[in-house]
Amino acid sequence: MQRQRPAATQSYRHNQVNSFSRTNACCEKVTEIMETLEIVEIGNDLLTTAMLLSAPSVIASLVVGLVISLMQTVTSVQEQTLSFAPRIAAVGAVSLVTLPWMLQVVTAFTLRMMERLAQVTQ
């Protein structure tokens, strides 16, 4: 003999199934609308923006590290930890100087993504 479930449990499960089918239908619609090419374009834009934002700090670290290494070679000082403090200072200074530009780039990227989202949901 099977035990019947209370009505509240049955309606809860019914709502879960309906919610899942609505979510699944929504995902299918988005998948149909967003082609693979668009997803690749978004990924490309994301990676390009990330590289663009990190470039000033990486270049500053590279240049300072190279200068410190040349100075160590010329003076025959072989201290491994000598280049860390100047690198950190240079990256911090470059980050402060380029912060307004970085905010503009991030804002432009966010606006582009919001526009894409609006196009997909229409």
Protein backbone atom coordinates (compact mmCIF):
# COMPACT_ATOMS: atom_id res chain seq x y z
CA MET A 1 0.00 0.00 0.00
CA GLN A 2 1.44 3.35 -1.03
CA ARG A 3 1.26 6.28 1.25
CA GLN A 4 -0.20 9.44 -0.25
CA ARG A 5 1.77 12.61 0.02
CA PRO A 6 0.25 15.68 1.59
CA ALA A 7 -1.21 18.23 -0.81
CA ALA A 8 1.43 20.82 0.16
CA THR A 9 4.25 18.49 -0.96
CA GLN A 10 2.52 17.73 -4.23
CA SER A 11 2.00 21.41 -5.05
CA TYR A 12 5.60 22.17 -4.08
CA ARG A 13 6.88 19.50 -6.47
CA HIS A 14 4.49 20.74 -9.16
CA ASN A 15 5.85 24.28 -8.74
CA GLN A 16 9.43 22.96 -8.94
CA VAL A 17 8.70 21.14 -12.20
CA ASN A 18 6.97 24.20 -13.67
CA SER A 19 9.83 26.44 -12.56
CA PHE A 20 12.38 24.07 -14.08
CA SER A 21 10.53 23.87 -17.38
CA ARG A 22 10.24 27.67 -17.54
CA THR A 23 13.96 28.05 -16.78
CA ASN A 24 14.84 25.35 -19.29
CA ALA A 25 12.69 27.01 -21.96
CA CYS A 26 14.36 30.35 -21.24
CA CYS A 27 17.83 28.78 -21.55
CA GLU A 28 16.88 27.13 -24.82
CA LYS A 29 15.66 30.47 -26.15
CA VAL A 30 18.89 32.20 -25.16
CA THR A 31 20.93 29.35 -26.66
CA GLU A 32 19.02 29.64 -29.91
CA ILE A 33 19.52 33.38 -30.02
CA MET A 34 23.18 33.48 -28.97
CA GLU A 35 25.21 31.74 -31.55
CA THR A 36 28.63 30.28 -30.87
CA LEU A 37 30.26 33.11 -32.79
CA GLU A 38 28.75 35.69 -30.45
CA ILE A 39 30.01 33.78 -27.42
CA VAL A 40 33.51 33.66 -28.93
CA GLU A 41 33.33 37.40 -29.63
CA ILE A 42 32.39 38.09 -26.01
CA GLY A 43 35.27 35.92 -24.79
CA ASN A 44 37.65 37.65 -27.17
CA ASP A 45 36.49 41.07 -25.96
CA LEU A 46 36.90 39.95 -22.34
CA LEU A 47 40.44 38.67 -22.83
CA THR A 48 41.47 41.71 -24.89
CA THR A 49 40.16 44.05 -22.20
CA ALA A 50 41.92 42.08 -19.47
CA MET A 51 45.24 42.18 -21.33
CA LEU A 52 44.80 45.88 -22.05
CA LEU A 53 44.17 46.62 -18.37
CA SER A 54 47.10 44.55 -17.11
CA ALA A 55 49.61 45.75 -19.74
CA PRO A 56 50.83 48.94 -17.96
CA SER A 57 51.56 47.11 -14.71
CA VAL A 58 53.23 44.17 -16.43
CA ILE A 59 55.37 46.45 -18.60
CA ALA A 60 56.42 48.55 -15.59
CA SER A 61 57.37 45.40 -13.67
CA LEU A 62 59.31 44.09 -16.66
CA VAL A 63 61.24 47.32 -17.18
CA VAL A 64 62.09 47.76 -13.50
CA GLY A 65 63.14 44.10 -13.23
CA LEU A 66 65.37 44.45 -16.27
CA VAL A 67 67.02 47.62 -14.95
CA ILE A 68 67.62 46.05 -11.53
CA SER A 69 69.04 42.91 -13.16
CA LEU A 70 71.43 44.98 -15.28
CA MET A 71 72.56 46.91 -12.22
CA GLN A 72 73.11 43.67 -10.31
CA THR A 73 75.14 42.28 -13.17
CA VAL A 74 77.31 45.40 -13.44
CA THR A 75 77.92 45.60 -9.70
CA SER A 76 78.21 41.81 -9.22
CA VAL A 77 75.55 41.87 -6.50
CA GLN A 78 73.60 38.63 -6.71
CA GLU A 79 70.79 39.24 -4.22
CA GLN A 80 67.59 37.54 -5.43
CA THR A 81 65.15 39.63 -3.38
CA LEU A 82 66.57 43.02 -4.35
CA SER A 83 64.18 43.61 -7.26
CA PHE A 84 60.91 42.95 -5.39
CA ALA A 85 60.51 46.27 -3.56
CA PRO A 86 61.23 48.48 -6.61
CA ARG A 87 58.89 46.35 -8.72
CA ILE A 88 56.07 46.67 -6.22
CA ALA A 89 56.61 50.43 -5.98
CA ALA A 90 56.64 50.77 -9.78
CA VAL A 91 53.49 48.70 -10.25
CA GLY A 92 51.72 50.71 -7.55
CA ALA A 93 52.76 54.01 -9.09
CA VAL A 94 51.74 52.94 -12.59
CA SER A 95 48.41 51.66 -11.27
CA LEU A 96 47.70 54.98 -9.59
CA VAL A 97 48.63 56.96 -12.69
CA THR A 98 46.61 54.81 -15.08
CA LEU A 99 43.59 54.34 -12.78
CA PRO A 100 41.34 56.90 -14.55
CA TRP A 101 42.07 55.29 -17.91
CA MET A 102 41.46 51.82 -16.46
CA LEU A 103 38.08 52.93 -15.13
CA GLN A 104 37.13 54.27 -18.57
CA VAL A 105 38.09 50.96 -20.19
CA VAL A 106 36.16 48.90 -17.63
CA THR A 107 33.13 51.18 -17.96
CA ALA A 108 33.17 50.88 -21.75
CA PHE A 109 33.45 47.10 -21.49
CA THR A 110 30.53 46.94 -19.05
CA LEU A 111 28.39 49.09 -21.33
CA ARG A 112 29.21 46.85 -24.31
CA MET A 113 28.20 43.76 -22.33
CA MET A 114 24.95 45.40 -21.17
CA GLU A 115 24.12 46.32 -24.78
CA ARG A 116 24.73 42.71 -25.83
CA LEU A 117 22.53 41.51 -23.00
CA ALA A 118 19.75 43.85 -24.11
CA GLN A 119 20.06 42.56 -27.70
CA VAL A 120 19.89 38.92 -26.59
CA THR A 121 16.84 39.36 -24.36
CA GLN A 122 14.77 41.19 -26.98
